[in-house]
């Protein structure tokens, strides 16, 4: 199932013209299974080395803080403005 998600969604977005990317995922078993590793290798997807359970490398934690600051600085007066700012960022 995870490999299907990668093939149908992630891989096409990495293959956009002019788009260079390195895929990152944690060391959860489904991410490092033989099947997943073989698929990524077969498709020549560069995978970033990623220590398991590393709080310093949790990019989403940093993302939420940045988004919160952008919304606060914008002084949005309604939910629609907040949504527009989030989508823009």
C-alpha atoms as a PDB file:
ATOM      1  CA  UNK A   1       0.000   0.000   0.000  1.00  0.00           C
ATOM      2  CA  UNK A   2       2.777   2.482   0.878  1.00  0.00           C
ATOM      3  CA  UNK A   3       4.530   1.695  -2.414  1.00  0.00           C
ATOM      4  CA  UNK A   4       1.267   2.337  -4.265  1.00  0.00           C
ATOM      5  CA  UNK A   5       0.964   5.742  -2.596  1.00  0.00           C
ATOM      6  CA  UNK A   6       4.533   6.560  -3.589  1.00  0.00           C
ATOM      7  CA  UNK A   7       4.020   5.468  -7.212  1.00  0.00           C
ATOM      8  CA  UNK A   8       0.709   7.273  -7.639  1.00  0.00           C
ATOM      9  CA  UNK A   9       1.408  10.504  -5.760  1.00  0.00           C
ATOM     10  CA  UNK A  10       4.938  11.182  -4.618  1.00  0.00           C
ATOM     11  CA  UNK A  11       6.965   9.965  -7.596  1.00  0.00           C
ATOM     12  CA  UNK A  12       5.013  12.020 -10.185  1.00  0.00           C
ATOM     13  CA  UNK A  13       5.491  15.183  -8.130  1.00  0.00           C
ATOM     14  CA  UNK A  14       9.246  14.535  -7.945  1.00  0.00           C
ATOM     15  CA  UNK A  15       9.401  14.102 -11.704  1.00  0.00           C
ATOM     16  CA  UNK A  16       8.017  17.533 -12.628  1.00  0.00           C
ATOM     17  CA  UNK A  17      10.135  19.265 -15.298  1.00  0.00           C
ATOM     18  CA  UNK A  18      12.813  21.476 -13.789  1.00  0.00           C
ATOM     19  CA  UNK A  19      12.161  20.071 -10.328  1.00  0.00           C
ATOM     20  CA  UNK A  20      15.134  18.541  -8.512  1.00  0.00           C
ATOM     21  CA  UNK A  21      14.271  16.847  -5.260  1.00  0.00           C
ATOM     22  CA  UNK A  22      15.583  14.491  -2.631  1.00  0.00           C
ATOM     23  CA  UNK A  23      12.988  12.331  -0.908  1.00  0.00           C
ATOM     24  CA  UNK A  24      13.084  12.133   2.871  1.00  0.00           C
ATOM     25  CA  UNK A  25      11.264   9.816   5.210  1.00  0.00           C
ATOM     26  CA  UNK A  26      11.930   8.507   8.673  1.00  0.00           C
ATOM     27  CA  UNK A  27      13.098   5.019   9.512  1.00  0.00           C
ATOM     28  CA  UNK A  28       9.649   3.619  10.219  1.00  0.00           C
ATOM     29  CA  UNK A  29       9.504  -0.019   9.062  1.00  0.00           C
ATOM     30  CA  UNK A  30       7.151   0.592   6.124  1.00  0.00           C
ATOM     31  CA  UNK A  31       9.520   3.291   4.851  1.00  0.00           C
ATOM     32  CA  UNK A  32      12.571   1.038   5.007  1.00  0.00           C
ATOM     33  CA  UNK A  33      11.023  -2.251   3.938  1.00  0.00           C
ATOM     34  CA  UNK A  34      12.760  -4.235   1.208  1.00  0.00           C
ATOM     35  CA  UNK A  35       9.850  -3.528  -1.132  1.00  0.00           C
ATOM     36  CA  UNK A  36       9.983   0.245  -0.574  1.00  0.00           C
ATOM     37  CA  UNK A  37      13.767   0.380  -0.813  1.00  0.00           C
ATOM     38  CA  UNK A  38      13.710  -1.642  -4.039  1.00  0.00           C
ATOM     39  CA  UNK A  39      11.034   0.607  -5.567  1.00  0.00           C
ATOM     40  CA  UNK A  40      12.921   3.802  -4.776  1.00  0.00           C
ATOM     41  CA  UNK A  41      16.149   2.316  -6.118  1.00  0.00           C
ATOM     42  CA  UNK A  42      14.425   1.068  -9.294  1.00  0.00           C
ATOM     43  CA  UNK A  43      12.985   4.536  -9.920  1.00  0.00           C
ATOM     44  CA  UNK A  44      16.340   6.233  -9.137  1.00  0.00           C
ATOM     45  CA  UNK A  45      14.855   8.323  -6.338  1.00  0.00           C
ATOM     46  CA  UNK A  46      17.473  10.014  -4.169  1.00  0.00           C
ATOM     47  CA  UNK A  47      16.655   9.404  -0.510  1.00  0.00           C
ATOM     48  CA  UNK A  48      18.051  11.562   2.273  1.00  0.00           C
ATOM     49  CA  UNK A  49      19.592   9.701   5.206  1.00  0.00           C
ATOM     50  CA  UNK A  50      17.267  10.339   8.114  1.00  0.00           C
ATOM     51  CA  UNK A  51      17.913   9.342  11.726  1.00  0.00           C
ATOM     52  CA  UNK A  52      14.896   7.733  13.358  1.00  0.00           C
ATOM     53  CA  UNK A  53      12.949   9.832  15.845  1.00  0.00           C
ATOM     54  CA  UNK A  54      15.150  12.892  15.510  1.00  0.00           C
ATOM     55  CA  UNK A  55      13.353  15.977  16.891  1.00  0.00           C
ATOM     56  CA  UNK A  56      15.992  18.289  15.422  1.00  0.00           C
ATOM     57  CA  UNK A  57      15.051  17.202  11.925  1.00  0.00           C
ATOM     58  CA  UNK A  58      11.276  17.361  12.288  1.00  0.00           C
ATOM     59  CA  UNK A  59      10.613  19.869   9.518  1.00  0.00           C
ATOM     60  CA  UNK A  60       6.878  20.062  10.227  1.00  0.00           C
ATOM     61  CA  UNK A  61       7.512  21.397  13.726  1.00  0.00           C
ATOM     62  CA  UNK A  62       9.450  24.289  12.186  1.00  0.00           C
ATOM     63  CA  UNK A  63       6.818  24.786   9.487  1.00  0.00           C
ATOM     64  CA  UNK A  64       3.973  25.347  11.952  1.00  0.00           C
ATOM     65  CA  UNK A  65       5.959  27.973  13.829  1.00  0.00           C
ATOM     66  CA  UNK A  66       6.748  29.827  10.613  1.00  0.00           C
ATOM     67  CA  UNK A  67       3.118  29.717   9.442  1.00  0.00           C
ATOM     68  CA  UNK A  68       1.866  30.933  12.818  1.00  0.00           C
ATOM     69  CA  UNK A  69       4.260  33.886  12.711  1.00  0.00           C
ATOM     70  CA  UNK A  70       3.263  34.789   9.127  1.00  0.00           C
ATOM     71  CA  UNK A  71      -0.430  34.758  10.077  1.00  0.00           C
ATOM     72  CA  UNK A  72       0.175  36.854  13.208  1.00  0.00           C
ATOM     73  CA  UNK A  73       2.247  39.429  11.314  1.00  0.00           C
ATOM     74  CA  UNK A  74      -0.392  39.730   8.593  1.00  0.00           C
ATOM     75  CA  UNK A  75      -3.012  40.994  11.048  1.00  0.00           C
ATOM     76  CA  UNK A  76      -5.687  39.044   9.178  1.00  0.00           C
ATOM     77  CA  UNK A  77      -9.171  40.067  10.284  1.00  0.00           C
ATOM     78  CA  UNK A  78     -11.138  36.979   9.261  1.00  0.00           C
ATOM     79  CA  UNK A  79     -10.748  33.266   8.591  1.00  0.00           C
ATOM     80  CA  UNK A  80     -10.737  33.751   4.814  1.00  0.00           C
ATOM     81  CA  UNK A  81      -7.694  36.023   5.040  1.00  0.00           C
ATOM     82  CA  UNK A  82      -5.951  33.508   7.300  1.00  0.00           C
ATOM     83  CA  UNK A  83      -6.628  30.716   4.787  1.00  0.00           C
ATOM     84  CA  UNK A  84      -5.339  32.881   1.923  1.00  0.00           C
ATOM     85  CA  UNK A  85      -2.103  33.573   3.811  1.00  0.00           C
ATOM     86  CA  UNK A  86      -1.562  29.894   4.597  1.00  0.00           C
ATOM     87  CA  UNK A  87      -2.187  28.843   0.989  1.00  0.00           C
ATOM     88  CA  UNK A  88       0.129  31.596  -0.285  1.00  0.00           C
ATOM     89  CA  UNK A  89       2.941  30.526   2.021  1.00  0.00           C
END
